[in-house]
C-alpha atoms as a PDB file:
ATOM      1  CA  MET A   1     -16.541  23.794 -13.868  1.00  0.00           C
ATOM      2  CA  SER A   2     -15.947  25.605 -17.148  1.00  0.00           C
ATOM      3  CA  ASN A   3     -12.783  25.361 -19.214  1.00  0.00           C
ATOM      4  CA  LEU A   4     -11.937  28.945 -18.287  1.00  0.00           C
ATOM      5  CA  GLU A   5     -12.301  28.208 -14.578  1.00  0.00           C
ATOM      6  CA  MET A   6     -10.122  25.119 -15.002  1.00  0.00           C
ATOM      7  CA  SER A   7      -7.471  27.160 -16.813  1.00  0.00           C
ATOM      8  CA  VAL A   8      -7.423  29.771 -14.062  1.00  0.00           C
ATOM      9  CA  LEU A   9      -7.223  27.086 -11.393  1.00  0.00           C
ATOM     10  CA  ARG A  10      -4.413  25.331 -13.277  1.00  0.00           C
ATOM     11  CA  ALA A  11      -2.482  28.601 -13.632  1.00  0.00           C
ATOM     12  CA  GLN A  12      -2.858  29.361  -9.934  1.00  0.00           C
ATOM     13  CA  ALA A  13      -1.686  25.864  -9.018  1.00  0.00           C
ATOM     14  CA  GLU A  14       1.343  26.191 -11.281  1.00  0.00           C
ATOM     15  CA  LEU A  15       2.214  29.476  -9.560  1.00  0.00           C
ATOM     16  CA  GLY A  16       2.376  27.649  -6.252  1.00  0.00           C
ATOM     17  CA  ASP A  17      -1.114  28.276  -4.861  1.00  0.00           C
ATOM     18  CA  SER A  18      -1.542  25.202  -2.663  1.00  0.00           C
ATOM     19  CA  ASP A  19      -5.305  25.715  -2.309  1.00  0.00           C
ATOM     20  CA  ALA A  20      -5.659  25.773  -6.096  1.00  0.00           C
ATOM     21  CA  ALA A  21      -3.473  22.670  -6.352  1.00  0.00           C
ATOM     22  CA  ASP A  22      -5.635  20.890  -3.789  1.00  0.00           C
ATOM     23  CA  GLN A  23      -8.764  21.821  -5.743  1.00  0.00           C
ATOM     24  CA  MET A  24      -7.134  20.562  -8.953  1.00  0.00           C
ATOM     25  CA  ILE A  25      -6.253  17.285  -7.264  1.00  0.00           C
ATOM     26  CA  GLU A  26      -9.770  16.822  -5.926  1.00  0.00           C
ATOM     27  CA  LEU A  27     -11.355  17.651  -9.258  1.00  0.00           C
ATOM     28  CA  ALA A  28      -8.947  15.472 -11.221  1.00  0.00           C
ATOM     29  CA  ALA A  29      -9.661  12.547  -8.888  1.00  0.00           C
ATOM     30  CA  GLU A  30     -13.403  13.000  -9.290  1.00  0.00           C
ATOM     31  CA  LEU A  31     -13.052  13.083 -13.079  1.00  0.00           C
ATOM     32  CA  GLY A  32     -10.561  10.206 -13.252  1.00  0.00           C
ATOM     33  CA  ASP A  33      -8.078  12.621 -14.846  1.00  0.00           C
ATOM     34  CA  LEU A  34      -4.897  10.659 -14.226  1.00  0.00           C
ATOM     35  CA  ALA A  35      -2.881  12.880 -16.572  1.00  0.00           C
ATOM     36  CA  THR A  36      -3.454  15.926 -14.384  1.00  0.00           C
ATOM     37  CA  LEU A  37      -2.653  13.964 -11.251  1.00  0.00           C
ATOM     38  CA  GLU A  38       0.503  12.640 -12.894  1.00  0.00           C
ATOM     39  CA  ARG A  39       1.565  16.124 -13.949  1.00  0.00           C
ATOM     40  CA  LEU A  40       1.086  17.512 -10.439  1.00  0.00           C
ATOM     41  CA  ALA A  41       2.810  14.505  -8.893  1.00  0.00           C
ATOM     42  CA  SER A  42       5.783  14.907 -11.240  1.00  0.00           C
ATOM     43  CA  GLN A  43       6.079  18.487  -9.982  1.00  0.00           C
ATOM     44  CA  GLY A  44       6.617  17.108  -6.483  1.00  0.00           C
ATOM     45  CA  ASN A  45       3.089  17.365  -5.107  1.00  0.00           C
ATOM     46  CA  THR A  46       2.873  14.428  -2.704  1.00  0.00           C
ATOM     47  CA  THR A  47      -0.887  14.780  -2.295  1.00  0.00           C
ATOM     48  CA  ALA A  48      -1.265  14.412  -6.060  1.00  0.00           C
ATOM     49  CA  ALA A  49       1.044  11.390  -6.010  1.00  0.00           C
ATOM     50  CA  ASP A  50      -1.013   9.731  -3.280  1.00  0.00           C
ATOM     51  CA  GLN A  51      -4.261  10.477  -5.124  1.00  0.00           C
ATOM     52  CA  LEU A  52      -2.739   9.227  -8.383  1.00  0.00           C
ATOM     53  CA  ILE A  53      -1.865   5.931  -6.735  1.00  0.00           C
ATOM     54  CA  GLU A  54      -5.364   5.599  -5.290  1.00  0.00           C
ATOM     55  CA  SER A  55      -7.076   6.526  -8.557  1.00  0.00           C
ATOM     56  CA  ALA A  56      -4.835   4.307 -10.674  1.00  0.00           C
ATOM     57  CA  ALA A  57      -5.594   1.383  -8.378  1.00  0.00           C
ATOM     58  CA  GLU A  58      -9.334   2.052  -8.538  1.00  0.00           C
ATOM     59  CA  LEU A  59      -9.192   2.203 -12.339  1.00  0.00           C
ATOM     60  CA  GLY A  60      -6.901  -0.832 -12.617  1.00  0.00           C
ATOM     61  CA  ASP A  61      -4.158   1.191 -14.318  1.00  0.00           C
ATOM     62  CA  LEU A  62      -1.218  -0.988 -13.359  1.00  0.00           C
ATOM     63  CA  ALA A  63       1.095   0.788 -15.828  1.00  0.00           C
ATOM     64  CA  ILE A  64       0.992   3.979 -13.770  1.00  0.00           C
ATOM     65  CA  LEU A  65       1.550   2.040 -10.574  1.00  0.00           C
ATOM     66  CA  GLU A  66       4.494   0.225 -12.167  1.00  0.00           C
ATOM     67  CA  ARG A  67       6.011   3.477 -13.368  1.00  0.00           C
ATOM     68  CA  LEU A  68       5.730   5.093  -9.937  1.00  0.00           C
ATOM     69  CA  ALA A  69       7.042   1.979  -8.219  1.00  0.00           C
ATOM     70  CA  SER A  70      10.036   1.867 -10.564  1.00  0.00           C
ATOM     71  CA  GLN A  71      10.743   5.479  -9.577  1.00  0.00           C
ATOM     72  CA  GLY A  72      11.032   4.356  -5.969  1.00  0.00           C
ATOM     73  CA  ASN A  73       7.553   5.139  -4.666  1.00  0.00           C
ATOM     74  CA  ALA A  74       7.031   2.491  -1.979  1.00  0.00           C
ATOM     75  CA  THR A  75       3.302   3.211  -1.671  1.00  0.00           C
ATOM     76  CA  ALA A  76       2.887   2.629  -5.403  1.00  0.00           C
ATOM     77  CA  ALA A  77       4.860  -0.610  -5.145  1.00  0.00           C
ATOM     78  CA  ASP A  78       2.639  -1.857  -2.325  1.00  0.00           C
ATOM     79  CA  GLN A  79      -0.508  -0.892  -4.233  1.00  0.00           C
ATOM     80  CA  LEU A  80       0.856  -2.494  -7.408  1.00  0.00           C
ATOM     81  CA  ILE A  81       1.379  -5.770  -5.562  1.00  0.00           C
ATOM     82  CA  GLU A  82      -2.119  -5.626  -4.080  1.00  0.00           C
ATOM     83  CA  SER A  83      -3.745  -4.728  -7.403  1.00  0.00           C
ATOM     84  CA  ALA A  84      -1.766  -7.319  -9.362  1.00  0.00           C
ATOM     85  CA  ALA A  85      -2.787  -9.994  -6.867  1.00  0.00           C
ATOM     86  CA  GLU A  86      -6.454  -8.951  -7.057  1.00  0.00           C
ATOM     87  CA  LEU A  87      -6.348  -9.027 -10.862  1.00  0.00           C
ATOM     88  CA  GLY A  88      -4.377 -12.276 -10.966  1.00  0.00           C
ATOM     89  CA  ASP A  89      -1.487 -10.637 -12.850  1.00  0.00           C
ATOM     90  CA  LEU A  90       1.232 -13.066 -11.857  1.00  0.00           C
ATOM     91  CA  ALA A  91       3.697 -11.639 -14.394  1.00  0.00           C
ATOM     92  CA  ILE A  92       3.935  -8.390 -12.453  1.00  0.00           C
ATOM     93  CA  LEU A  93       4.334 -10.246  -9.188  1.00  0.00           C
ATOM     94  CA  GLU A  94       7.047 -12.440 -10.732  1.00  0.00           C
ATOM     95  CA  ARG A  95       8.876  -9.403 -12.100  1.00  0.00           C
ATOM     96  CA  LEU A  96       8.789  -7.602  -8.744  1.00  0.00           C
ATOM     97  CA  ALA A  97       9.827 -10.734  -6.889  1.00  0.00           C
ATOM     98  CA  SER A  98      12.751 -11.254  -9.266  1.00  0.00           C
ATOM     99  CA  GLN A  99      13.813  -7.669  -8.527  1.00  0.00           C
ATOM    100  CA  GLY A 100      14.040  -8.567  -4.848  1.00  0.00           C
ATOM    101  CA  ASN A 101      10.667  -7.387  -3.585  1.00  0.00           C
ATOM    102  CA  ALA A 102       9.979  -9.751  -0.680  1.00  0.00           C
ATOM    103  CA  THR A 103       6.316  -8.779  -0.406  1.00  0.00           C
ATOM    104  CA  ALA A 104       5.735  -9.560  -4.067  1.00  0.00           C
ATOM    105  CA  ALA A 105       7.475 -12.905  -3.598  1.00  0.00           C
ATOM    106  CA  GLU A 106       5.212 -13.746  -0.652  1.00  0.00           C
ATOM    107  CA  VAL A 107       2.045 -12.706  -2.496  1.00  0.00           C
ATOM    108  CA  LEU A 108       3.148 -14.637  -5.579  1.00  0.00           C
ATOM    109  CA  GLU A 109       3.744 -17.728  -3.488  1.00  0.00           C
ATOM    110  CA  GLU A 110       0.316 -17.368  -1.897  1.00  0.00           C
ATOM    111  CA  SER A 111      -1.323 -16.838  -5.290  1.00  0.00           C
ATOM    112  CA  LEU A 112       0.322 -19.911  -6.760  1.00  0.00           C
ATOM    113  CA  ALA A 113      -0.737 -21.993  -3.749  1.00  0.00           C
ATOM    114  CA  GLU A 114      -4.393 -21.114  -4.320  1.00  0.00           C
END
């Protein structure tokens, strides 16, 4: 897709064209363009938020997951716990557990037992 086509698609999405937004989300996911997904998610697009969480997890971008989780996104929090456990990032699990996240506490306990 050319830059011009991307610009047109972006403009249509920003004007509320849900089909254009869906195409932007799909394209951004394929390209690993987390910035575009984040921008669309911050505008309230739940599909973009879900794709952002999935893409961030696939790319190991725990900072995005942490940011979304701290904003109250439960799906991001769950994915952050799963990703942190897979990557052995006990500091994140400890931080979430200390903030009262029971799932993080359980996963941390399991990780420490291994």
